[in-house]
Amino acid sequence: MPVINIKMTKEDGGATVEQKEELAKGITELFSKIFNRSSSNAVVLVEEFSTDNYYIGGKSVTKIRKEQK
C-alpha cells in the first residue's frame, strides 16, 4: 500500500477541504498511472505547517517573507 505524504505551509488560513481532496485525487491518479497500480489502496497524507514552524537556512518562512516586503 503506497503512502504519499504531502507537506506544505499553511498560508492564508490553509488549504480548503475541497483543495486537499482535489490534490489527493490528482496525486492518487498520477501515482496509479505512472506505476500501473490500483488507486484503491493509495493513502495520501496532507500536513500543513505554520510558516513559523518552517525554516530555510535557519530562518522561519514568516521572517523571510517579512524581509522580502
N, C-alpha and C. Protein backbone atom coordinates (compact mmCIF):
# COMPACT_ATOMS: atom_id res chain seq x y z
N MET A 1 0.85 -1.17 0.00
CA MET A 1 0.00 0.00 0.00
C MET A 1 0.90 1.24 0.00
N PRO A 2 0.79 2.07 -1.02
CA PRO A 2 1.59 3.30 -1.05
C PRO A 2 1.04 4.34 -0.08
N VAL A 3 1.97 5.03 0.58
CA VAL A 3 1.62 6.15 1.44
C VAL A 3 2.34 7.36 0.87
N ILE A 4 1.59 8.35 0.43
CA ILE A 4 2.13 9.55 -0.18
C ILE A 4 1.93 10.70 0.80
N ASN A 5 3.04 11.30 1.22
CA ASN A 5 2.99 12.34 2.24
C ASN A 5 3.28 13.70 1.61
N ILE A 6 2.35 14.62 1.74
CA ILE A 6 2.49 15.97 1.21
C ILE A 6 2.63 16.92 2.40
N LYS A 7 3.70 17.69 2.41
CA LYS A 7 3.92 18.67 3.48
C LYS A 7 3.96 20.04 2.83
N MET A 8 3.22 20.97 3.41
CA MET A 8 3.15 22.31 2.84
C MET A 8 2.91 23.33 3.94
N THR A 9 3.25 24.57 3.65
CA THR A 9 2.99 25.62 4.64
C THR A 9 1.51 25.99 4.61
N LYS A 10 1.03 26.36 5.76
CA LYS A 10 -0.37 26.78 5.90
C LYS A 10 -0.40 28.29 5.68
N GLU A 11 -0.96 28.69 4.57
CA GLU A 11 -0.96 30.10 4.17
C GLU A 11 -2.39 30.62 4.09
N ASP A 12 -2.61 31.81 4.54
CA ASP A 12 -3.92 32.47 4.41
C ASP A 12 -5.07 31.57 4.85
N GLY A 13 -4.92 30.95 6.01
CA GLY A 13 -5.97 30.07 6.52
C GLY A 13 -5.82 28.62 6.11
N GLY A 14 -4.87 28.33 5.24
CA GLY A 14 -4.61 26.95 4.82
C GLY A 14 -5.47 26.54 3.64
N ALA A 15 -5.19 25.35 3.18
CA ALA A 15 -5.94 24.79 2.06
C ALA A 15 -7.34 24.40 2.52
N THR A 16 -8.30 24.55 1.64
CA THR A 16 -9.67 24.14 1.97
C THR A 16 -9.77 22.62 1.86
N VAL A 17 -10.81 22.07 2.45
CA VAL A 17 -11.06 20.63 2.34
C VAL A 17 -11.18 20.25 0.87
N GLU A 18 -11.85 21.08 0.09
CA GLU A 18 -12.03 20.80 -1.33
C GLU A 18 -10.69 20.78 -2.06
N GLN A 19 -9.80 21.72 -1.75
CA GLN A 19 -8.48 21.76 -2.38
C GLN A 19 -7.68 20.51 -2.03
N LYS A 20 -7.73 20.11 -0.77
CA LYS A 20 -6.99 18.92 -0.35
C LYS A 20 -7.56 17.66 -1.01
N GLU A 21 -8.86 17.59 -1.13
CA GLU A 21 -9.48 16.44 -1.80
C GLU A 21 -9.05 16.39 -3.27
N GLU A 22 -9.04 17.53 -3.95
CA GLU A 22 -8.62 17.58 -5.35
C GLU A 22 -7.15 17.20 -5.49
N LEU A 23 -6.31 17.67 -4.58
CA LEU A 23 -4.89 17.34 -4.59
C LEU A 23 -4.70 15.84 -4.39
N ALA A 24 -5.37 15.28 -3.39
CA ALA A 24 -5.26 13.84 -3.11
C ALA A 24 -5.73 13.01 -4.31
N LYS A 25 -6.81 13.41 -4.91
CA LYS A 25 -7.34 12.70 -6.08
C LYS A 25 -6.35 12.74 -7.24
N GLY A 26 -5.82 13.94 -7.51
CA GLY A 26 -4.88 14.09 -8.62
C GLY A 26 -3.59 13.31 -8.41
N ILE A 27 -3.06 13.36 -7.20
CA ILE A 27 -1.82 12.64 -6.90
C ILE A 27 -2.05 11.13 -6.95
N THR A 28 -3.18 10.69 -6.45
CA THR A 28 -3.51 9.27 -6.50
C THR A 28 -3.61 8.79 -7.94
N GLU A 29 -4.29 9.56 -8.79
CA GLU A 29 -4.42 9.20 -10.20
C GLU A 29 -3.05 9.16 -10.90
N LEU A 30 -2.21 10.15 -10.61
CA LEU A 30 -0.88 10.20 -11.21
C LEU A 30 -0.03 9.01 -10.76
N PHE A 31 -0.06 8.71 -9.47
CA PHE A 31 0.67 7.55 -8.95
C PHE A 31 0.21 6.28 -9.66
N SER A 32 -1.09 6.10 -9.75
CA SER A 32 -1.66 4.91 -10.38
C SER A 32 -1.22 4.80 -11.84
N LYS A 33 -1.22 5.92 -12.55
CA LYS A 33 -0.84 5.93 -13.97
C LYS A 33 0.65 5.61 -14.14
N ILE A 34 1.49 6.27 -13.37
CA ILE A 34 2.94 6.08 -13.52
C ILE A 34 3.38 4.68 -13.12
N PHE A 35 2.85 4.16 -12.03
CA PHE A 35 3.30 2.87 -11.51
C PHE A 35 2.39 1.71 -11.91
N ASN A 36 1.34 2.00 -12.68
CA ASN A 36 0.41 0.98 -13.14
C ASN A 36 -0.10 0.13 -11.97
N ARG A 37 -0.51 0.82 -10.91
CA ARG A 37 -1.04 0.16 -9.72
C ARG A 37 -2.43 0.70 -9.42
N SER A 38 -3.20 -0.10 -8.73
CA SER A 38 -4.54 0.31 -8.36
C SER A 38 -4.50 1.53 -7.45
N SER A 39 -5.43 2.43 -7.67
CA SER A 39 -5.50 3.62 -6.82
C SER A 39 -6.32 3.36 -5.55
N SER A 40 -6.98 2.23 -5.47
CA SER A 40 -7.89 1.98 -4.35
C SER A 40 -7.19 1.84 -3.00
N ASN A 41 -5.90 1.53 -3.00
CA ASN A 41 -5.19 1.37 -1.73
C ASN A 41 -4.24 2.51 -1.42
N ALA A 42 -4.16 3.51 -2.27
CA ALA A 42 -3.22 4.62 -2.06
C ALA A 42 -3.70 5.50 -0.91
N VAL A 43 -2.78 5.80 -0.02
CA VAL A 43 -3.06 6.69 1.11
C VAL A 43 -2.32 8.00 0.87
N VAL A 44 -3.02 9.11 0.99
CA VAL A 44 -2.40 10.43 0.85
C VAL A 44 -2.57 11.17 2.17
N LEU A 45 -1.45 11.62 2.73
CA LEU A 45 -1.47 12.39 3.97
C LEU A 45 -1.07 13.83 3.64
N VAL A 46 -1.86 14.79 4.07
CA VAL A 46 -1.56 16.20 3.85
C VAL A 46 -1.28 16.83 5.21
N GLU A 47 -0.07 17.34 5.36
CA GLU A 47 0.30 18.02 6.60
C GLU A 47 0.56 19.48 6.29
N GLU A 48 -0.07 20.35 7.05
CA GLU A 48 0.14 21.79 6.87
C GLU A 48 0.88 22.33 8.09
N PHE A 49 1.89 23.14 7.81
CA PHE A 49 2.71 23.72 8.86
C PHE A 49 2.58 25.24 8.84
N SER A 50 2.55 25.82 10.01
CA SER A 50 2.62 27.27 10.12
C SER A 50 3.96 27.72 9.56
N THR A 51 4.01 28.88 8.93
CA THR A 51 5.27 29.39 8.41
C THR A 51 6.24 29.72 9.55
N ASP A 52 5.74 29.79 10.80
CA ASP A 52 6.61 29.97 11.96
C ASP A 52 7.36 28.67 12.29
N ASN A 53 6.88 27.55 11.78
CA ASN A 53 7.48 26.25 12.07
C ASN A 53 8.19 25.65 10.86
N TYR A 54 8.44 26.46 9.85
CA TYR A 54 9.07 26.00 8.61
C TYR A 54 10.28 26.89 8.38
N TYR A 55 11.46 26.29 8.37
CA TYR A 55 12.70 27.07 8.33
C TYR A 55 13.51 26.76 7.07
N ILE A 56 14.10 27.79 6.52
CA ILE A 56 15.01 27.67 5.39
C ILE A 56 16.27 28.45 5.75
N GLY A 57 17.40 27.78 5.72
CA GLY A 57 18.65 28.45 6.06
C GLY A 57 18.66 29.02 7.47
N GLY A 58 17.94 28.39 8.38
CA GLY A 58 17.92 28.83 9.77
C GLY A 58 16.94 29.96 10.07
N LYS A 59 16.19 30.41 9.06
CA LYS A 59 15.20 31.49 9.27
C LYS A 59 13.81 30.94 8.99
N SER A 60 12.85 31.38 9.79
CA SER A 60 11.48 30.94 9.54
C SER A 60 10.98 31.57 8.24
N VAL A 61 10.08 30.87 7.59
CA VAL A 61 9.48 31.40 6.36
C VAL A 61 8.75 32.70 6.66
N THR A 62 8.16 32.81 7.84
CA THR A 62 7.49 34.05 8.24
C THR A 62 8.48 35.21 8.20
N LYS A 63 9.66 35.01 8.79
CA LYS A 63 10.68 36.06 8.84
C LYS A 63 11.21 36.36 7.44
N ILE A 64 11.44 35.33 6.65
CA ILE A 64 11.93 35.53 5.27
C ILE A 64 10.96 36.38 4.48
N ARG A 65 9.68 36.06 4.60
CA ARG A 65 8.67 36.80 3.83
C ARG A 65 8.59 38.26 4.29
N LYS A 66 8.72 38.50 5.59
CA LYS A 66 8.71 39.89 6.09
C LYS A 66 9.89 40.67 5.55
N GLU A 67 11.05 40.02 5.47
CA GLU A 67 12.25 40.67 4.96
C GLU A 67 12.15 40.97 3.46
N GLN A 68 11.35 40.22 2.75
CA GLN A 68 11.20 40.39 1.30
C GLN A 68 10.25 41.52 0.94
N LYS A 69 9.48 41.98 1.88
CA LYS A 69 8.49 43.05 1.60
C LYS A 69 9.16 44.38 1.51
